[in-house]
Structures are given as structure tokens and as C-alpha cells.
Amino acid sequence: MKKYQEILLKTILGTFKHLPFPVICRGGDLIGTLLYHLLKERREVGLSNLRIAFPVKNPEEREAIFKKCWKNICKDLLEVVKYFVSSPNLIKERVSVSGVENLNYCLAQNKGIIALSAHYGNFPLLCQRIALEKYPVAIIYSRMHNRVLNPMIPVLQREAGIEPIPDNPRHRCVALSLAWLKKGGILFLQIDQNPSEEAGVPIDFFGWKLPTFRGPVVMAMRTGASILPMFIIRKKNNHHQIVIEKPFELNLTGNNEKDIRANLEALSKITEDYIRRCPSLWWWIHRRFRMAIPN
């Protein structure tokens, strides 16, 4: 980072250190409400996504979900900074973890773990909380367009105990990800965004065929790594609960393309089930359904 970026980062962290959580959460609600009204294009994308995913819900219900979605996103982003400057004990108090025995069981196999998740809840906090317990966590991240903030992200991730792996160039991202798994590490992957054409497989999602990132299944097949679905849920008091599911068992028949598609379909269904339980926790602002084909 350049000197001015270091000064800016220290200023931001210093400010957040003195802000109490109720102020952080209230600020997130206010910013989310503001962005809902100001960002017309994103509002149209989000409401269009919700019409496709929940056709039986009325417009008022879908609008309420999307308004709450914006509030949650803004609270998530503010909270990540706040938790970064908070004590480990406070983080553990506010972010509980269930299913740790599943994580420990898979780590004992020493073949690596693919932590399968989505843009659901405060997913950066999920990684931060797992890393706090000294588990070896890596996350694939996309570089931001903002030249000022972009260099700060990997710095903060490393200081939180998370190994950042840039998604470009793709061949290097794949090589680093496979190497991390072969060392027995935890690789955090999300399969709920549109992949590049060569990396995607069309599978069912909310009753539509959508291209889906094949990486989790392909990497598990190549390395023997376990796939552990894990998600983070915001509670009513703005505390969080991380849920680590039991290991996902790959169904392998010897037909690679068929196996990739079938297993991705099953993993996507797990993600969809979480979204259906609490739709406002998912990031509806992304253009997930732009290439949707009806089943």
C-alpha cells in the first residue's frame, strides 16, 4: 500500500474502534435504505431476481425482502470493519459456531476442505470467525475497481488470519487453490454467481437453469478434499450464528461430466434451501438470473 492508503486505513479502523455496535447496525440500516432508493438500476435487478425466484409472492413482499437485503448488506460491510478492531472474546460472544465437530472430522483427513457457501449473510465474518480459531482459511477474492480501497482488502484479510487468493489470472488462482487444499487447508468457495463460460455448468436454481461454477466439485474430485457446506445467519439481535453442515458426500459414477452436474445440482439445492429460509440474507443485487433458462 502507498503511504496515503496506510493513513486512510488507520483512520477508518481508529474511527470504527470507538463506534458501538448499535450505532454500526443503525448506520447500516440507514445507508441500506438510502441505497435502495438511490441505486435505481440495482433496485430493478434485485426486484427482477425476486420475481423470478418467488413468482407467488406479491410485489409488496418482494419489495420488503429487497429493502431488508440492502440493510443487511450494509450492516455486513460495516460490521466486518468493526469486528476487525474488536477483541477476540467479543467476536466469539457475538458470533457462535455450530457443527465444529464436522470441521474437525474433515481436517483430520488431511486432504483439505472446500467450505462451500454463498453471498449469504455476513460471509466475510464467517471466514474471520473460523480463522480466529486458528484454522487455516483461504478465500478467493475479486479485485475491486476502487484503486484506493483495493490494496487494503488483502492486507486486512491476512491480518485476520485469512489467506487471500486473487481470482485472476485464472490459471494461477486454480494452482494456488489446489496447492492450499493439498496442504490440508480450508478453501472458502461460493457457487451462487455467474461463472465464465468455460467454468460453468447449467443446473437448476429456483426452478431455472443457470450456469454454475464447477470448481468445488472438480477440485474435490482432483484432490480428495471434503466439501463442507457452511453459512452464517444474522439473528434478531444482530448477533450471528455460523452453521457448519455435515460433509457432502460426492456421488461418483465414473462419468465425469454427469457426476459434476449431479453433484453441483445437489450443492446448489443446499444453497437454495438456505435462501428460501431467509431470503433477505442473500445478495439479490447481483445479476444471477440474467442467463436463466426455464426448466
Protein backbone atom coordinates (compact mmCIF):
# COMPACT_ATOMS: atom_id res chain seq x y z
CA MET A 1 0.00 0.00 0.00
CA LYS A 2 1.03 3.58 -0.55
CA LYS A 3 1.52 5.93 2.38
CA TYR A 4 -1.78 7.77 1.95
CA GLN A 5 -3.62 4.43 1.82
CA GLU A 6 -1.99 3.36 5.09
CA ILE A 7 -3.08 6.63 6.71
CA LEU A 8 -6.62 6.23 5.37
CA LEU A 9 -6.83 2.65 6.62
CA LYS A 10 -5.60 3.61 10.10
CA THR A 11 -8.13 6.45 10.22
CA ILE A 12 -11.01 4.16 9.25
CA LEU A 13 -10.02 1.47 11.76
CA GLY A 14 -9.50 4.02 14.50
CA THR A 15 -12.94 5.50 13.92
CA PHE A 16 -14.69 2.14 13.92
CA LYS A 17 -12.91 1.07 17.10
CA HIS A 18 -14.82 3.72 19.05
CA LEU A 19 -18.23 3.15 17.44
CA PRO A 20 -20.56 0.87 19.45
CA PHE A 21 -22.34 -1.96 17.66
CA PRO A 22 -25.83 -0.39 17.91
CA VAL A 23 -24.51 2.66 16.03
CA ILE A 24 -22.87 0.41 13.41
CA CYS A 25 -26.08 -1.53 12.84
CA ARG A 26 -28.28 1.57 12.81
CA GLY A 27 -25.90 3.18 10.33
CA GLY A 28 -26.14 0.09 8.13
CA ASP A 29 -29.93 0.28 8.17
CA LEU A 30 -29.90 3.95 7.19
CA ILE A 31 -27.32 3.51 4.42
CA GLY A 32 -29.19 0.47 3.11
CA THR A 33 -32.46 2.40 2.95
CA LEU A 34 -30.71 5.23 1.15
CA LEU A 35 -29.07 2.93 -1.42
CA TYR A 36 -32.38 1.18 -2.07
CA HIS A 37 -33.85 4.48 -3.23
CA LEU A 38 -30.75 5.93 -4.94
CA LEU A 39 -29.47 2.95 -6.94
CA LYS A 40 -32.34 2.51 -9.37
CA GLU A 41 -30.53 0.03 -11.63
CA ARG A 42 -29.65 -2.26 -8.70
CA ARG A 43 -33.21 -1.97 -7.42
CA GLU A 44 -34.53 -3.13 -10.78
CA VAL A 45 -32.05 -6.04 -10.82
CA GLY A 46 -32.95 -7.13 -7.30
CA LEU A 47 -36.71 -6.95 -7.77
CA SER A 48 -36.41 -8.75 -11.11
CA ASN A 49 -34.41 -11.54 -9.42
CA LEU A 50 -37.06 -11.83 -6.73
CA ARG A 51 -39.88 -12.01 -9.30
CA ILE A 52 -38.11 -14.93 -10.98
CA ALA A 53 -37.25 -16.75 -7.73
CA PHE A 54 -40.53 -16.08 -5.90
CA PRO A 55 -43.29 -15.66 -8.50
CA VAL A 56 -46.02 -16.48 -5.97
CA LYS A 57 -45.04 -13.68 -3.60
CA ASN A 58 -46.81 -10.37 -4.14
CA PRO A 59 -44.89 -7.19 -5.10
CA GLU A 60 -45.07 -5.80 -1.58
CA GLU A 61 -43.47 -8.95 -0.12
CA ARG A 62 -40.67 -8.91 -2.68
CA GLU A 63 -40.04 -5.22 -2.09
CA ALA A 64 -39.84 -5.78 1.68
CA ILE A 65 -37.31 -8.59 1.17
CA PHE A 66 -35.15 -6.41 -1.06
CA LYS A 67 -35.24 -3.44 1.29
CA LYS A 68 -34.12 -5.68 4.14
CA CYS A 69 -31.49 -7.22 1.86
CA TRP A 70 -29.91 -3.79 1.29
CA LYS A 71 -29.91 -3.10 5.03
CA ASN A 72 -28.26 -6.45 5.75
CA ILE A 73 -25.56 -5.91 3.10
CA CYS A 74 -24.64 -2.51 4.52
CA LYS A 75 -24.61 -3.81 8.09
CA ASP A 76 -22.43 -6.72 6.95
CA LEU A 77 -19.82 -4.43 5.41
CA LEU A 78 -19.71 -2.05 8.38
CA GLU A 79 -19.59 -4.93 10.84
CA VAL A 80 -16.60 -6.55 9.14
CA VAL A 81 -14.53 -3.44 9.86
CA LYS A 82 -15.85 -3.21 13.41
CA TYR A 83 -15.08 -6.86 14.15
CA PHE A 84 -11.59 -6.40 12.75
CA VAL A 85 -10.80 -3.92 15.54
CA SER A 86 -12.75 -5.82 18.23
CA SER A 87 -11.32 -8.19 20.81
CA PRO A 88 -11.39 -11.94 20.06
CA ASN A 89 -13.60 -12.52 23.09
CA LEU A 90 -16.20 -10.04 21.82
CA ILE A 91 -16.25 -11.70 18.41
CA LYS A 92 -16.71 -15.12 19.99
CA GLU A 93 -19.51 -13.73 22.16
CA ARG A 94 -21.42 -12.26 19.21
CA VAL A 95 -20.67 -14.94 16.58
CA SER A 96 -21.46 -18.52 17.63
CA VAL A 97 -20.46 -21.62 15.67
CA SER A 98 -22.36 -24.89 15.44
CA GLY A 99 -21.04 -28.02 13.72
CA VAL A 100 -17.37 -27.57 14.67
CA GLU A 101 -17.15 -31.34 15.06
CA ASN A 102 -17.80 -31.65 11.30
CA LEU A 103 -14.93 -29.28 10.58
CA ASN A 104 -12.54 -31.12 12.89
CA TYR A 105 -13.53 -34.50 11.46
CA CYS A 106 -12.71 -33.38 7.92
CA LEU A 107 -9.48 -31.66 8.92
CA ALA A 108 -8.30 -34.92 10.45
CA GLN A 109 -8.43 -36.50 6.97
CA ASN A 110 -5.63 -34.08 5.97
CA LYS A 111 -6.93 -33.74 2.41
CA GLY A 112 -8.19 -30.19 2.64
CA ILE A 113 -11.69 -28.79 2.97
CA ILE A 114 -13.82 -26.89 0.48
CA ALA A 115 -16.01 -24.61 2.59
CA LEU A 116 -18.98 -24.25 0.28
CA SER A 117 -21.10 -21.16 0.80
CA ALA A 118 -22.78 -18.24 -0.95
CA HIS A 119 -23.19 -14.47 -0.86
CA TYR A 120 -25.48 -15.09 2.08
CA GLY A 121 -25.29 -13.36 5.44
CA ASN A 122 -22.04 -11.78 6.59
CA PHE A 123 -19.82 -14.28 4.76
CA PRO A 124 -16.58 -12.29 5.28
CA LEU A 125 -17.27 -12.52 9.01
CA LEU A 126 -17.73 -16.29 8.65
CA CYS A 127 -14.16 -16.60 7.39
CA GLN A 128 -12.87 -14.20 10.03
CA ARG A 129 -14.53 -16.17 12.83
CA ILE A 130 -13.20 -19.52 11.60
CA ALA A 131 -9.70 -18.06 11.23
CA LEU A 132 -9.93 -16.74 14.79
CA GLU A 133 -9.87 -20.37 15.96
CA LYS A 134 -6.52 -20.79 14.12
CA TYR A 135 -7.97 -22.88 11.31
CA PRO A 136 -6.05 -22.39 8.02
CA VAL A 137 -8.53 -20.47 5.85
CA ALA A 138 -8.07 -19.13 2.31
CA ILE A 139 -10.59 -17.15 0.29
CA ILE A 140 -10.74 -16.41 -3.43
CA TYR A 141 -11.44 -12.73 -3.93
CA SER A 142 -12.06 -10.39 -6.84
CA ARG A 143 -10.08 -7.20 -7.05
CA MET A 144 -12.21 -4.09 -6.53
CA HIS A 145 -12.43 -1.38 -9.16
CA ASN A 146 -11.64 1.19 -6.49
CA ARG A 147 -7.89 1.81 -6.70
CA VAL A 148 -7.77 3.38 -3.25
CA LEU A 149 -9.52 0.58 -1.36
CA ASN A 150 -8.37 -2.40 -3.46
CA PRO A 151 -4.91 -2.82 -1.84
CA MET A 152 -6.44 -2.70 1.64
CA ILE A 153 -8.52 -5.87 1.25
CA PRO A 154 -5.71 -8.49 1.17
CA VAL A 155 -3.89 -6.61 3.96
CA LEU A 156 -6.93 -6.83 6.24
CA GLN A 157 -7.55 -10.46 5.29
CA ARG A 158 -4.00 -11.52 6.14
CA GLU A 159 -4.09 -9.65 9.45
CA ALA A 160 -7.31 -11.53 10.25
CA GLY A 161 -5.55 -14.84 9.56
CA ILE A 162 -7.10 -15.38 6.13
CA GLU A 163 -5.00 -16.16 3.05
CA PRO A 164 -6.29 -14.17 0.04
CA ILE A 165 -6.15 -15.79 -3.39
CA PRO A 166 -6.88 -13.38 -6.29
CA ASP A 167 -9.28 -14.79 -8.90
CA ASN A 168 -7.14 -13.51 -11.78
CA PRO A 169 -5.22 -14.74 -13.63
CA ARG A 170 -7.43 -17.83 -13.55
CA HIS A 171 -4.68 -20.44 -14.02
CA ARG A 172 -2.75 -19.04 -11.05
CA CYS A 173 -5.92 -18.92 -8.94
CA VAL A 174 -6.59 -22.60 -9.66
CA ALA A 175 -2.97 -23.58 -8.95
CA LEU A 176 -2.90 -21.72 -5.62
CA SER A 177 -6.29 -23.14 -4.61
CA LEU A 178 -5.26 -26.73 -5.34
CA ALA A 179 -1.96 -26.25 -3.51
CA TRP A 180 -3.83 -24.89 -0.48
CA LEU A 181 -6.11 -27.91 -0.39
CA LYS A 182 -3.21 -30.33 -0.79
CA LYS A 183 -1.63 -28.73 2.30
CA GLY A 184 -4.78 -29.60 4.24
CA GLY A 185 -6.19 -26.06 4.31
CA ILE A 186 -9.76 -24.75 4.16
CA LEU A 187 -10.73 -23.08 0.88
CA PHE A 188 -13.82 -20.87 1.03
CA LEU A 189 -15.83 -21.02 -2.22
CA GLN A 190 -19.16 -19.55 -3.29
CA ILE A 191 -21.20 -21.05 -6.14
CA ASP A 192 -24.04 -18.54 -6.40
CA GLN A 193 -22.55 -16.17 -9.02
CA ASN A 194 -22.33 -16.42 -12.80
CA PRO A 195 -19.02 -18.02 -13.82
CA SER A 196 -17.08 -17.66 -17.05
CA GLU A 197 -18.46 -19.76 -19.91
CA GLU A 198 -15.76 -22.44 -19.67
CA ALA A 199 -16.07 -22.71 -15.88
CA GLY A 200 -19.85 -23.05 -15.71
CA VAL A 201 -22.38 -25.87 -15.86
CA PRO A 202 -26.14 -25.17 -16.30
CA ILE A 203 -28.01 -26.57 -13.32
CA ASP A 204 -31.29 -25.98 -11.51
CA PHE A 205 -31.61 -22.96 -9.22
CA PHE A 206 -35.07 -21.83 -8.10
CA GLY A 207 -36.59 -23.77 -11.00
CA TRP A 208 -34.36 -22.20 -13.67
CA LYS A 209 -31.28 -23.48 -15.45
CA LEU A 210 -28.36 -21.24 -14.52
CA PRO A 211 -24.63 -21.55 -15.28
CA THR A 212 -22.90 -22.51 -12.04
CA PHE A 213 -19.24 -22.60 -11.03
CA ARG A 214 -17.99 -26.19 -11.30
CA GLY A 215 -14.89 -25.53 -9.20
CA PRO A 216 -15.98 -27.03 -5.85
CA VAL A 217 -16.83 -30.41 -7.34
CA VAL A 218 -13.88 -30.54 -9.75
CA MET A 219 -11.39 -29.60 -7.02
CA ALA A 220 -12.86 -32.17 -4.64
CA MET A 221 -12.61 -34.85 -7.31
CA ARG A 222 -8.98 -33.93 -8.08
CA THR A 223 -7.70 -33.63 -4.50
CA GLY A 224 -9.99 -35.79 -2.39
CA ALA A 225 -10.88 -32.71 -0.33
CA SER A 226 -14.07 -32.78 1.73
CA ILE A 227 -16.92 -30.44 0.83
CA LEU A 228 -18.44 -28.77 3.90
CA PRO A 229 -21.43 -26.51 3.33
CA MET A 230 -21.34 -23.61 5.80
CA PHE A 231 -23.45 -20.50 6.16
CA ILE A 232 -23.80 -17.57 8.54
CA ILE A 233 -27.18 -16.38 9.78
CA ARG A 234 -27.98 -12.96 11.25
CA LYS A 235 -30.08 -13.19 14.41
CA LYS A 236 -32.67 -10.64 15.52
CA ASN A 237 -30.25 -9.04 17.99
CA ASN A 238 -27.64 -8.63 15.20
CA HIS A 239 -25.54 -11.44 16.60
CA HIS A 240 -24.62 -14.22 14.15
CA GLN A 241 -24.64 -17.99 14.03
CA ILE A 242 -22.34 -19.99 11.76
CA VAL A 243 -23.77 -23.36 10.75
CA ILE A 244 -21.29 -25.99 9.52
CA GLU A 245 -23.19 -28.84 7.91
CA LYS A 246 -22.10 -32.46 7.73
CA PRO A 247 -19.67 -33.33 4.91
CA PHE A 248 -21.26 -33.54 1.48
CA GLU A 249 -20.70 -36.98 0.00
CA LEU A 250 -19.85 -36.89 -3.70
CA ASN A 251 -21.87 -39.30 -5.81
CA LEU A 252 -19.38 -40.62 -8.38
CA THR A 253 -20.30 -43.00 -11.22
CA GLY A 254 -17.20 -42.68 -13.40
CA ASN A 255 -18.90 -40.35 -15.88
CA ASN A 256 -17.13 -37.08 -15.05
CA GLU A 257 -19.46 -34.62 -16.78
CA LYS A 258 -22.55 -36.34 -15.43
CA ASP A 259 -21.03 -36.51 -11.93
CA ILE A 260 -20.05 -32.83 -11.94
CA ARG A 261 -23.56 -31.79 -12.98
CA ALA A 262 -25.37 -34.06 -10.50
CA ASN A 263 -23.22 -33.06 -7.53
CA LEU A 264 -23.39 -29.36 -8.38
CA GLU A 265 -27.16 -29.68 -8.58
CA ALA A 266 -27.26 -31.14 -5.07
CA LEU A 267 -24.94 -28.45 -3.68
CA SER A 268 -26.96 -25.71 -5.34
CA LYS A 269 -30.10 -27.13 -3.71
CA ILE A 270 -28.47 -26.76 -0.28
CA THR A 271 -27.76 -23.10 -1.05
CA GLU A 272 -31.28 -22.55 -2.37
CA ASP A 273 -32.79 -24.07 0.79
CA TYR A 274 -30.90 -21.56 2.96
CA ILE A 275 -32.03 -18.67 0.76
CA ARG A 276 -35.65 -19.81 0.90
CA ARG A 277 -35.49 -19.97 4.72
CA CYS A 278 -34.34 -16.36 4.99
CA PRO A 279 -34.34 -14.64 1.59
CA SER A 280 -33.29 -11.22 2.88
CA LEU A 281 -29.84 -12.60 3.79
CA TRP A 282 -28.93 -13.32 0.15
CA TRP A 283 -27.34 -10.65 -2.07
CA TRP A 284 -30.15 -10.10 -4.60
CA ILE A 285 -28.27 -7.13 -6.08
CA HIS A 286 -26.19 -9.44 -8.32
CA ARG A 287 -27.38 -10.35 -11.83
CA ARG A 288 -27.62 -14.05 -11.00
CA PHE A 289 -30.63 -14.73 -13.24
CA ARG A 290 -29.53 -12.81 -16.36
CA MET A 291 -28.82 -16.07 -18.24
CA ALA A 292 -31.72 -18.02 -16.74
CA ILE A 293 -33.47 -20.63 -18.88
CA PRO A 294 -36.81 -22.07 -17.68
CA ASN A 295 -36.72 -25.77 -16.77
